[in-house]
């Protein structure tokens, strides 16, 4: 499959933040391995005038997803801390659109669409196809992809630009299978052409 990029396409990079990479508060094993392929996608999309969007967890100190407040995760990606910053080697363009999610203490949001204006931004730019990569395959990537499908976007999952937590050994595999079953198309960089 060869896909030609155009102005109605958008790249969505999900949560490539320091806390989700090795050495962070909630690391995805080998999560930093997505940075290099995602940089290649960023370069390609930027060159062809397509939108580049980066989502981030942007939690208040007392977020309900944290263990001490009844959640299941250690504290991570707290607003205005180093751990919430994007990975140092991620080469986001100057005109990147940053989407902050899970910004309210009592609301969890795995999907980049949940409680944000991401849908409005995409539709306002006439975007019809989204290409999704980042962290983690089995949580925020999956939730973002499934929401994008539900909202009527054509969705490509960047198989060479995702990495999972795998609390259970096959979580990522199952997440990928679910995304593809629901209508996403798996793609790698070599299958993309500039328009």
C-alpha atoms as a PDB file:
ATOM      1  CA  UNK A   1       0.000   0.000   0.000  1.00  0.00           C
ATOM      2  CA  UNK A   2       1.344   3.408  -0.985  1.00  0.00           C
ATOM      3  CA  UNK A   3      -0.389   6.451   0.535  1.00  0.00           C
ATOM      4  CA  UNK A   4       0.129   9.946  -0.837  1.00  0.00           C
ATOM      5  CA  UNK A   5       0.234  12.729   1.740  1.00  0.00           C
ATOM      6  CA  UNK A   6      -1.759  15.889   1.292  1.00  0.00           C
ATOM      7  CA  UNK A   7      -3.108  18.994   3.017  1.00  0.00           C
ATOM      8  CA  UNK A   8      -6.093  17.087   4.438  1.00  0.00           C
ATOM      9  CA  UNK A   9      -3.783  14.834   6.449  1.00  0.00           C
ATOM     10  CA  UNK A  10      -2.548  15.336  10.016  1.00  0.00           C
ATOM     11  CA  UNK A  11       0.121  13.640  12.100  1.00  0.00           C
ATOM     12  CA  UNK A  12      -0.860  13.076  15.743  1.00  0.00           C
ATOM     13  CA  UNK A  13       2.020  12.263  18.081  1.00  0.00           C
ATOM     14  CA  UNK A  14       0.694  10.932  21.364  1.00  0.00           C
ATOM     15  CA  UNK A  15       2.401  11.668  24.703  1.00  0.00           C
ATOM     16  CA  UNK A  16       6.106  11.324  23.838  1.00  0.00           C
ATOM     17  CA  UNK A  17       6.993  12.858  27.200  1.00  0.00           C
ATOM     18  CA  UNK A  18       9.967  12.332  29.490  1.00  0.00           C
ATOM     19  CA  UNK A  19       7.933  10.592  32.196  1.00  0.00           C
ATOM     20  CA  UNK A  20       6.855   7.928  29.682  1.00  0.00           C
ATOM     21  CA  UNK A  21      10.416   7.256  28.504  1.00  0.00           C
ATOM     22  CA  UNK A  22      13.193   5.293  30.268  1.00  0.00           C
ATOM     23  CA  UNK A  23      14.233   7.154  33.417  1.00  0.00           C
ATOM     24  CA  UNK A  24      10.811   8.777  33.793  1.00  0.00           C
ATOM     25  CA  UNK A  25       8.173   8.325  36.482  1.00  0.00           C
ATOM     26  CA  UNK A  26       6.029   5.928  34.410  1.00  0.00           C
ATOM     27  CA  UNK A  27       8.342   4.588  31.707  1.00  0.00           C
ATOM     28  CA  UNK A  28       7.192   2.609  28.706  1.00  0.00           C
ATOM     29  CA  UNK A  29       9.901  -0.041  28.215  1.00  0.00           C
ATOM     30  CA  UNK A  30      12.062   1.215  25.319  1.00  0.00           C
ATOM     31  CA  UNK A  31       9.593   4.078  24.833  1.00  0.00           C
ATOM     32  CA  UNK A  32      12.360   6.332  23.503  1.00  0.00           C
ATOM     33  CA  UNK A  33      12.700   4.030  20.471  1.00  0.00           C
ATOM     34  CA  UNK A  34       9.698   5.804  18.896  1.00  0.00           C
ATOM     35  CA  UNK A  35      11.507   9.165  18.757  1.00  0.00           C
ATOM     36  CA  UNK A  36      13.664   8.530  15.690  1.00  0.00           C
ATOM     37  CA  UNK A  37      10.883   7.139  13.454  1.00  0.00           C
ATOM     38  CA  UNK A  38       8.485   9.853  14.607  1.00  0.00           C
ATOM     39  CA  UNK A  39      11.072  12.496  13.713  1.00  0.00           C
ATOM     40  CA  UNK A  40      11.097  11.103  10.174  1.00  0.00           C
ATOM     41  CA  UNK A  41       7.298  11.336  10.039  1.00  0.00           C
ATOM     42  CA  UNK A  42       7.454  14.915  11.372  1.00  0.00           C
ATOM     43  CA  UNK A  43       9.930  15.861   8.657  1.00  0.00           C
ATOM     44  CA  UNK A  44       7.762  14.326   5.931  1.00  0.00           C
ATOM     45  CA  UNK A  45       4.496  15.893   7.140  1.00  0.00           C
ATOM     46  CA  UNK A  46       6.082  19.315   7.663  1.00  0.00           C
ATOM     47  CA  UNK A  47       7.628  19.243   4.205  1.00  0.00           C
ATOM     48  CA  UNK A  48       4.220  18.680   2.648  1.00  0.00           C
ATOM     49  CA  UNK A  49       2.336  21.306   4.613  1.00  0.00           C
ATOM     50  CA  UNK A  50       0.346  18.803   6.688  1.00  0.00           C
ATOM     51  CA  UNK A  51      -0.610  19.512  10.302  1.00  0.00           C
ATOM     52  CA  UNK A  52       1.622  18.157  13.076  1.00  0.00           C
ATOM     53  CA  UNK A  53      -0.107  17.770  16.445  1.00  0.00           C
ATOM     54  CA  UNK A  54       1.417  16.580  19.726  1.00  0.00           C
ATOM     55  CA  UNK A  55      -0.729  15.506  22.669  1.00  0.00           C
ATOM     56  CA  UNK A  56       0.530  15.504  26.225  1.00  0.00           C
ATOM     57  CA  UNK A  57      -0.656  14.425  29.639  1.00  0.00           C
ATOM     58  CA  UNK A  58      -0.777  17.667  31.637  1.00  0.00           C
ATOM     59  CA  UNK A  59      -1.886  16.607  35.097  1.00  0.00           C
ATOM     60  CA  UNK A  60      -2.483  18.709  38.188  1.00  0.00           C
ATOM     61  CA  UNK A  61      -0.545  17.570  41.266  1.00  0.00           C
ATOM     62  CA  UNK A  62      -3.641  15.830  42.710  1.00  0.00           C
ATOM     63  CA  UNK A  63      -4.872  14.021  39.604  1.00  0.00           C
ATOM     64  CA  UNK A  64      -7.334  11.166  40.177  1.00  0.00           C
ATOM     65  CA  UNK A  65      -5.248   8.727  38.106  1.00  0.00           C
ATOM     66  CA  UNK A  66      -2.453   8.843  40.710  1.00  0.00           C
ATOM     67  CA  UNK A  67      -2.203   6.019  43.252  1.00  0.00           C
ATOM     68  CA  UNK A  68      -2.417   8.310  46.272  1.00  0.00           C
ATOM     69  CA  UNK A  69      -5.755   9.650  44.988  1.00  0.00           C
ATOM     70  CA  UNK A  70      -7.265   6.245  44.204  1.00  0.00           C
ATOM     71  CA  UNK A  71      -5.879   5.789  40.686  1.00  0.00           C
ATOM     72  CA  UNK A  72      -3.613   3.069  39.307  1.00  0.00           C
ATOM     73  CA  UNK A  73      -0.537   5.074  38.237  1.00  0.00           C
ATOM     74  CA  UNK A  74       2.398   6.678  40.039  1.00  0.00           C
ATOM     75  CA  UNK A  75       2.533  10.471  39.780  1.00  0.00           C
ATOM     76  CA  UNK A  76       3.543  11.480  36.258  1.00  0.00           C
ATOM     77  CA  UNK A  77       3.437  14.334  33.743  1.00  0.00           C
ATOM     78  CA  UNK A  78       2.565  16.981  36.320  1.00  0.00           C
ATOM     79  CA  UNK A  79       2.009  20.388  34.743  1.00  0.00           C
ATOM     80  CA  UNK A  80       5.160  22.516  34.355  1.00  0.00           C
ATOM     81  CA  UNK A  81       7.557  19.784  35.549  1.00  0.00           C
ATOM     82  CA  UNK A  82      10.448  18.314  33.597  1.00  0.00           C
ATOM     83  CA  UNK A  83       8.705  14.942  33.401  1.00  0.00           C
ATOM     84  CA  UNK A  84       5.817  16.502  31.484  1.00  0.00           C
ATOM     85  CA  UNK A  85       8.146  17.928  28.825  1.00  0.00           C
ATOM     86  CA  UNK A  86       8.424  16.280  25.434  1.00  0.00           C
ATOM     87  CA  UNK A  87      11.435  14.008  24.911  1.00  0.00           C
ATOM     88  CA  UNK A  88      14.542  16.134  24.276  1.00  0.00           C
ATOM     89  CA  UNK A  89      15.241  14.470  20.924  1.00  0.00           C
ATOM     90  CA  UNK A  90      11.715  14.818  19.546  1.00  0.00           C
ATOM     91  CA  UNK A  91      12.011  17.407  16.769  1.00  0.00           C
ATOM     92  CA  UNK A  92       8.617  19.089  16.881  1.00  0.00           C
ATOM     93  CA  UNK A  93       8.201  21.871  14.297  1.00  0.00           C
ATOM     94  CA  UNK A  94       7.735  25.482  15.369  1.00  0.00           C
ATOM     95  CA  UNK A  95       4.109  25.424  14.226  1.00  0.00           C
ATOM     96  CA  UNK A  96       3.234  22.224  16.106  1.00  0.00           C
ATOM     97  CA  UNK A  97      -0.216  22.267  17.721  1.00  0.00           C
ATOM     98  CA  UNK A  98       0.022  21.070  21.328  1.00  0.00           C
ATOM     99  CA  UNK A  99      -3.028  19.418  22.880  1.00  0.00           C
ATOM    100  CA  UNK A 100      -3.011  19.142  26.691  1.00  0.00           C
ATOM    101  CA  UNK A 101      -5.246  16.456  28.171  1.00  0.00           C
ATOM    102  CA  UNK A 102      -6.289  15.210  31.609  1.00  0.00           C
ATOM    103  CA  UNK A 103      -5.821  18.724  32.942  1.00  0.00           C
ATOM    104  CA  UNK A 104      -8.583  18.527  35.562  1.00  0.00           C
ATOM    105  CA  UNK A 105      -8.004  16.663  38.814  1.00  0.00           C
ATOM    106  CA  UNK A 106     -11.171  14.563  38.658  1.00  0.00           C
ATOM    107  CA  UNK A 107     -11.124  13.636  34.959  1.00  0.00           C
ATOM    108  CA  UNK A 108      -8.987  10.966  33.338  1.00  0.00           C
ATOM    109  CA  UNK A 109      -8.324  11.237  29.615  1.00  0.00           C
ATOM    110  CA  UNK A 110      -6.335   8.657  27.702  1.00  0.00           C
ATOM    111  CA  UNK A 111      -7.549   9.913  24.330  1.00  0.00           C
ATOM    112  CA  UNK A 112      -6.231  13.109  22.775  1.00  0.00           C
ATOM    113  CA  UNK A 113      -9.852  13.954  21.921  1.00  0.00           C
ATOM    114  CA  UNK A 114     -11.237  13.644  25.445  1.00  0.00           C
ATOM    115  CA  UNK A 115     -11.955  17.033  27.004  1.00  0.00           C
ATOM    116  CA  UNK A 116      -9.874  18.853  24.348  1.00  0.00           C
ATOM    117  CA  UNK A 117     -10.489  20.841  21.179  1.00  0.00           C
ATOM    118  CA  UNK A 118      -8.615  18.370  18.953  1.00  0.00           C
ATOM    119  CA  UNK A 119     -11.679  17.392  16.908  1.00  0.00           C
ATOM    120  CA  UNK A 120     -12.532  21.064  16.320  1.00  0.00           C
ATOM    121  CA  UNK A 121      -8.961  21.856  15.206  1.00  0.00           C
ATOM    122  CA  UNK A 122      -8.843  18.937  12.767  1.00  0.00           C
ATOM    123  CA  UNK A 123     -12.239  19.659  11.260  1.00  0.00           C
ATOM    124  CA  UNK A 124     -11.459  23.383  11.127  1.00  0.00           C
ATOM    125  CA  UNK A 125      -8.454  22.564   8.934  1.00  0.00           C
ATOM    126  CA  UNK A 126     -10.491  20.214   6.753  1.00  0.00           C
ATOM    127  CA  UNK A 127      -8.490  17.189   7.906  1.00  0.00           C
ATOM    128  CA  UNK A 128      -9.927  13.856   6.820  1.00  0.00           C
ATOM    129  CA  UNK A 129      -7.068  11.458   7.540  1.00  0.00           C
ATOM    130  CA  UNK A 130      -5.014  11.197  10.722  1.00  0.00           C
ATOM    131  CA  UNK A 131      -1.804   9.268  11.276  1.00  0.00           C
ATOM    132  CA  UNK A 132      -1.259   8.308  14.905  1.00  0.00           C
ATOM    133  CA  UNK A 133       1.925   7.232  16.696  1.00  0.00           C
ATOM    134  CA  UNK A 134       3.529   7.636  20.108  1.00  0.00           C
ATOM    135  CA  UNK A 135       3.043   6.251  23.609  1.00  0.00           C
ATOM    136  CA  UNK A 136       1.658   3.990  24.763  1.00  0.00           C
ATOM    137  CA  UNK A 137       0.175   1.597  22.209  1.00  0.00           C
ATOM    138  CA  UNK A 138      -2.124  -0.099  24.716  1.00  0.00           C
ATOM    139  CA  UNK A 139      -3.428   3.061  26.411  1.00  0.00           C
ATOM    140  CA  UNK A 140      -3.344   6.589  24.978  1.00  0.00           C
ATOM    141  CA  UNK A 141      -2.531   5.624  21.387  1.00  0.00           C
ATOM    142  CA  UNK A 142      -5.361   3.094  21.357  1.00  0.00           C
ATOM    143  CA  UNK A 143      -7.856   5.502  22.946  1.00  0.00           C
ATOM    144  CA  UNK A 144      -6.918   8.285  20.495  1.00  0.00           C
ATOM    145  CA  UNK A 145      -7.215   5.982  17.466  1.00  0.00           C
ATOM    146  CA  UNK A 146     -10.582   4.572  18.551  1.00  0.00           C
ATOM    147  CA  UNK A 147     -11.974   8.068  19.197  1.00  0.00           C
ATOM    148  CA  UNK A 148     -10.719   9.293  15.811  1.00  0.00           C
ATOM    149  CA  UNK A 149     -12.492   6.384  14.109  1.00  0.00           C
ATOM    150  CA  UNK A 150     -15.684   7.039  16.073  1.00  0.00           C
ATOM    151  CA  UNK A 151     -15.572  10.683  14.988  1.00  0.00           C
ATOM    152  CA  UNK A 152     -15.408   9.702  11.322  1.00  0.00           C
ATOM    153  CA  UNK A 153     -11.727  10.192  10.504  1.00  0.00           C
ATOM    154  CA  UNK A 154      -9.779   7.814   8.300  1.00  0.00           C
ATOM    155  CA  UNK A 155      -7.049   6.570  10.647  1.00  0.00           C
ATOM    156  CA  UNK A 156      -3.577   5.221   9.943  1.00  0.00           C
ATOM    157  CA  UNK A 157      -1.689   3.591  12.827  1.00  0.00           C
ATOM    158  CA  UNK A 158       2.076   4.148  12.563  1.00  0.00           C
ATOM    159  CA  UNK A 159       3.282   0.626  13.283  1.00  0.00           C
ATOM    160  CA  UNK A 160       6.938   1.718  13.344  1.00  0.00           C
ATOM    161  CA  UNK A 161       6.233   4.674  15.663  1.00  0.00           C
ATOM    162  CA  UNK A 162       4.431   3.128  18.644  1.00  0.00           C
ATOM    163  CA  UNK A 163       5.472   1.295  21.806  1.00  0.00           C
ATOM    164  CA  UNK A 164       3.405  -0.262  24.596  1.00  0.00           C
ATOM    165  CA  UNK A 165       3.450  -0.626  28.374  1.00  0.00           C
ATOM    166  CA  UNK A 166       2.467  -4.310  28.277  1.00  0.00           C
ATOM    167  CA  UNK A 167       1.404  -4.713  31.894  1.00  0.00           C
ATOM    168  CA  UNK A 168       0.250  -8.077  30.534  1.00  0.00           C
ATOM    169  CA  UNK A 169       2.674  -9.468  27.918  1.00  0.00           C
ATOM    170  CA  UNK A 170       0.297  -9.297  24.949  1.00  0.00           C
ATOM    171  CA  UNK A 171      -1.476  -5.996  25.714  1.00  0.00           C
ATOM    172  CA  UNK A 172       0.088  -4.126  22.784  1.00  0.00           C
ATOM    173  CA  UNK A 173      -0.594  -6.944  20.346  1.00  0.00           C
ATOM    174  CA  UNK A 174      -4.218  -7.038  21.439  1.00  0.00           C
ATOM    175  CA  UNK A 175      -4.499  -3.239  21.236  1.00  0.00           C
ATOM    176  CA  UNK A 176      -3.141  -3.208  17.670  1.00  0.00           C
ATOM    177  CA  UNK A 177      -5.525  -6.000  16.675  1.00  0.00           C
ATOM    178  CA  UNK A 178      -8.482  -4.067  18.154  1.00  0.00           C
ATOM    179  CA  UNK A 179      -7.529  -0.830  16.369  1.00  0.00           C
ATOM    180  CA  UNK A 180      -7.216  -2.631  13.029  1.00  0.00           C
ATOM    181  CA  UNK A 181     -10.472  -4.540  13.557  1.00  0.00           C
ATOM    182  CA  UNK A 182     -12.288  -1.268  14.264  1.00  0.00           C
ATOM    183  CA  UNK A 183     -11.090   0.207  10.972  1.00  0.00           C
ATOM    184  CA  UNK A 184      -7.608   1.698  11.382  1.00  0.00           C
ATOM    185  CA  UNK A 185      -5.037   0.844   8.718  1.00  0.00           C
ATOM    186  CA  UNK A 186      -1.538  -0.123   9.819  1.00  0.00           C
ATOM    187  CA  UNK A 187       1.233   1.666   7.933  1.00  0.00           C
ATOM    188  CA  UNK A 188       5.002   2.168   8.058  1.00  0.00           C
ATOM    189  CA  UNK A 189       7.059   5.099   6.812  1.00  0.00           C
ATOM    190  CA  UNK A 190       8.112   3.415   3.557  1.00  0.00           C
ATOM    191  CA  UNK A 191       4.453   3.250   2.507  1.00  0.00           C
ATOM    192  CA  UNK A 192       4.001   7.035   2.642  1.00  0.00           C
ATOM    193  CA  UNK A 193       4.709   9.363  -0.234  1.00  0.00           C
ATOM    194  CA  UNK A 194       4.636  13.135  -0.250  1.00  0.00           C
ATOM    195  CA  UNK A 195       1.919  14.788  -2.324  1.00  0.00           C
END
